């Protein structure tokens, strides 16, 4: 009892369809992997930019706090001078 020629051809055609589907999926997965790599590179670049901006903001905050503190000391000194000598 063997496989009929028609059944054999039908099985082969189905296997070919499965193989084509597998190849399409493999290509799609390769494309998705490349897209993920691109997104990761872009995110890395964005993270670097955010780190630079954060460093600048920290520097600006330090300068602002220092300037406000200096004005506070100067105003306090002037008020003390006016209180004792004015």
C-alpha atoms as a PDB file:
ATOM      1  CA  UNK A   1       0.000   0.000   0.000  1.00  0.00           C
ATOM      2  CA  UNK A   2       1.756   3.093  -1.183  1.00  0.00           C
ATOM      3  CA  UNK A   3       1.009   6.731  -1.711  1.00  0.00           C
ATOM      4  CA  UNK A   4      -0.740   7.573  -4.910  1.00  0.00           C
ATOM      5  CA  UNK A   5       0.965   9.894  -7.334  1.00  0.00           C
ATOM      6  CA  UNK A   6      -1.797  12.524  -6.910  1.00  0.00           C
ATOM      7  CA  UNK A   7      -1.500  12.423  -3.125  1.00  0.00           C
ATOM      8  CA  UNK A   8       2.274  12.694  -3.384  1.00  0.00           C
ATOM      9  CA  UNK A   9       1.986  15.790  -5.615  1.00  0.00           C
ATOM     10  CA  UNK A  10      -0.555  17.342  -3.257  1.00  0.00           C
ATOM     11  CA  UNK A  11       1.737  16.750  -0.294  1.00  0.00           C
ATOM     12  CA  UNK A  12       4.681  18.253  -2.187  1.00  0.00           C
ATOM     13  CA  UNK A  13       2.675  21.322  -3.154  1.00  0.00           C
ATOM     14  CA  UNK A  14       1.614  21.828   0.461  1.00  0.00           C
ATOM     15  CA  UNK A  15       5.201  21.430   1.630  1.00  0.00           C
ATOM     16  CA  UNK A  16       6.310  24.017  -0.936  1.00  0.00           C
ATOM     17  CA  UNK A  17       3.666  26.432   0.370  1.00  0.00           C
ATOM     18  CA  UNK A  18       4.884  25.851   3.907  1.00  0.00           C
ATOM     19  CA  UNK A  19       8.472  26.430   2.832  1.00  0.00           C
ATOM     20  CA  UNK A  20       7.554  29.676   1.062  1.00  0.00           C
ATOM     21  CA  UNK A  21       5.674  30.837   4.153  1.00  0.00           C
ATOM     22  CA  UNK A  22       8.656  29.951   6.312  1.00  0.00           C
ATOM     23  CA  UNK A  23      11.005  31.914   4.037  1.00  0.00           C
ATOM     24  CA  UNK A  24       8.687  34.934   4.146  1.00  0.00           C
ATOM     25  CA  UNK A  25       8.577  34.737   7.932  1.00  0.00           C
ATOM     26  CA  UNK A  26      12.349  34.441   8.095  1.00  0.00           C
ATOM     27  CA  UNK A  27      12.723  37.528   5.904  1.00  0.00           C
ATOM     28  CA  UNK A  28      10.183  39.433   8.003  1.00  0.00           C
ATOM     29  CA  UNK A  29      12.012  38.494  11.196  1.00  0.00           C
ATOM     30  CA  UNK A  30      15.324  39.657   9.715  1.00  0.00           C
ATOM     31  CA  UNK A  31      13.703  42.958   8.720  1.00  0.00           C
ATOM     32  CA  UNK A  32      12.229  43.385  12.216  1.00  0.00           C
ATOM     33  CA  UNK A  33      15.604  42.695  13.820  1.00  0.00           C
ATOM     34  CA  UNK A  34      17.196  45.394  11.672  1.00  0.00           C
ATOM     35  CA  UNK A  35      14.435  47.841  12.578  1.00  0.00           C
ATOM     36  CA  UNK A  36      14.961  47.077  16.267  1.00  0.00           C
ATOM     37  CA  UNK A  37      18.697  47.736  15.858  1.00  0.00           C
ATOM     38  CA  UNK A  38      17.906  51.095  14.242  1.00  0.00           C
ATOM     39  CA  UNK A  39      15.523  52.014  17.062  1.00  0.00           C
ATOM     40  CA  UNK A  40      18.120  51.054  19.673  1.00  0.00           C
ATOM     41  CA  UNK A  41      20.775  53.191  17.964  1.00  0.00           C
ATOM     42  CA  UNK A  42      18.360  56.119  17.845  1.00  0.00           C
ATOM     43  CA  UNK A  43      17.404  55.654  21.501  1.00  0.00           C
ATOM     44  CA  UNK A  44      21.077  55.564  22.449  1.00  0.00           C
ATOM     45  CA  UNK A  45      21.642  58.825  20.597  1.00  0.00           C
ATOM     46  CA  UNK A  46      18.615  60.385  22.286  1.00  0.00           C
ATOM     47  CA  UNK A  47      19.819  59.187  25.701  1.00  0.00           C
ATOM     48  CA  UNK A  48      23.210  60.797  25.082  1.00  0.00           C
ATOM     49  CA  UNK A  49      21.520  64.054  24.131  1.00  0.00           C
ATOM     50  CA  UNK A  50      19.335  63.948  27.253  1.00  0.00           C
ATOM     51  CA  UNK A  51      22.451  63.376  29.390  1.00  0.00           C
ATOM     52  CA  UNK A  52      24.098  66.451  27.837  1.00  0.00           C
ATOM     53  CA  UNK A  53      21.013  68.564  28.462  1.00  0.00           C
ATOM     54  CA  UNK A  54      20.789  67.285  32.042  1.00  0.00           C
ATOM     55  CA  UNK A  55      24.432  68.271  32.673  1.00  0.00           C
ATOM     56  CA  UNK A  56      23.737  71.770  31.338  1.00  0.00           C
ATOM     57  CA  UNK A  57      20.636  72.134  33.498  1.00  0.00           C
ATOM     58  CA  UNK A  58      22.608  71.037  36.576  1.00  0.00           C
ATOM     59  CA  UNK A  59      25.254  73.638  35.816  1.00  0.00           C
ATOM     60  CA  UNK A  60      22.636  76.364  35.316  1.00  0.00           C
ATOM     61  CA  UNK A  61      20.915  75.449  38.591  1.00  0.00           C
ATOM     62  CA  UNK A  62      24.241  75.619  40.460  1.00  0.00           C
ATOM     63  CA  UNK A  63      24.987  79.038  38.991  1.00  0.00           C
ATOM     64  CA  UNK A  64      21.477  80.261  39.842  1.00  0.00           C
ATOM     65  CA  UNK A  65      21.681  79.022  43.435  1.00  0.00           C
ATOM     66  CA  UNK A  66      25.134  80.545  43.798  1.00  0.00           C
ATOM     67  CA  UNK A  67      23.981  83.895  42.419  1.00  0.00           C
ATOM     68  CA  UNK A  68      20.900  83.997  44.638  1.00  0.00           C
ATOM     69  CA  UNK A  69      23.044  83.100  47.643  1.00  0.00           C
ATOM     70  CA  UNK A  70      25.512  85.850  46.792  1.00  0.00           C
ATOM     71  CA  UNK A  71      22.704  88.414  46.508  1.00  0.00           C
ATOM     72  CA  UNK A  72      21.341  87.198  49.841  1.00  0.00           C
ATOM     73  CA  UNK A  73      24.731  87.668  51.502  1.00  0.00           C
ATOM     74  CA  UNK A  74      25.151  91.124  49.940  1.00  0.00           C
ATOM     75  CA  UNK A  75      21.661  92.250  51.007  1.00  0.00           C
ATOM     76  CA  UNK A  76      22.270  90.908  54.514  1.00  0.00           C
ATOM     77  CA  UNK A  77      25.599  92.733  54.693  1.00  0.00           C
ATOM     78  CA  UNK A  78      24.051  95.997  53.510  1.00  0.00           C
ATOM     79  CA  UNK A  79      21.187  95.628  56.002  1.00  0.00           C
ATOM     80  CA  UNK A  80      23.686  95.001  58.832  1.00  0.00           C
ATOM     81  CA  UNK A  81      25.743  98.039  57.824  1.00  0.00           C
ATOM     82  CA  UNK A  82      22.620 100.205  57.727  1.00  0.00           C
ATOM     83  CA  UNK A  83      21.417  98.854  61.077  1.00  0.00           C
ATOM     84  CA  UNK A  84      24.690  99.467  62.926  1.00  0.00           C
ATOM     85  CA  UNK A  85      25.932 102.591  61.141  1.00  0.00           C
ATOM     86  CA  UNK A  86      22.811 104.107  59.691  1.00  0.00           C
END
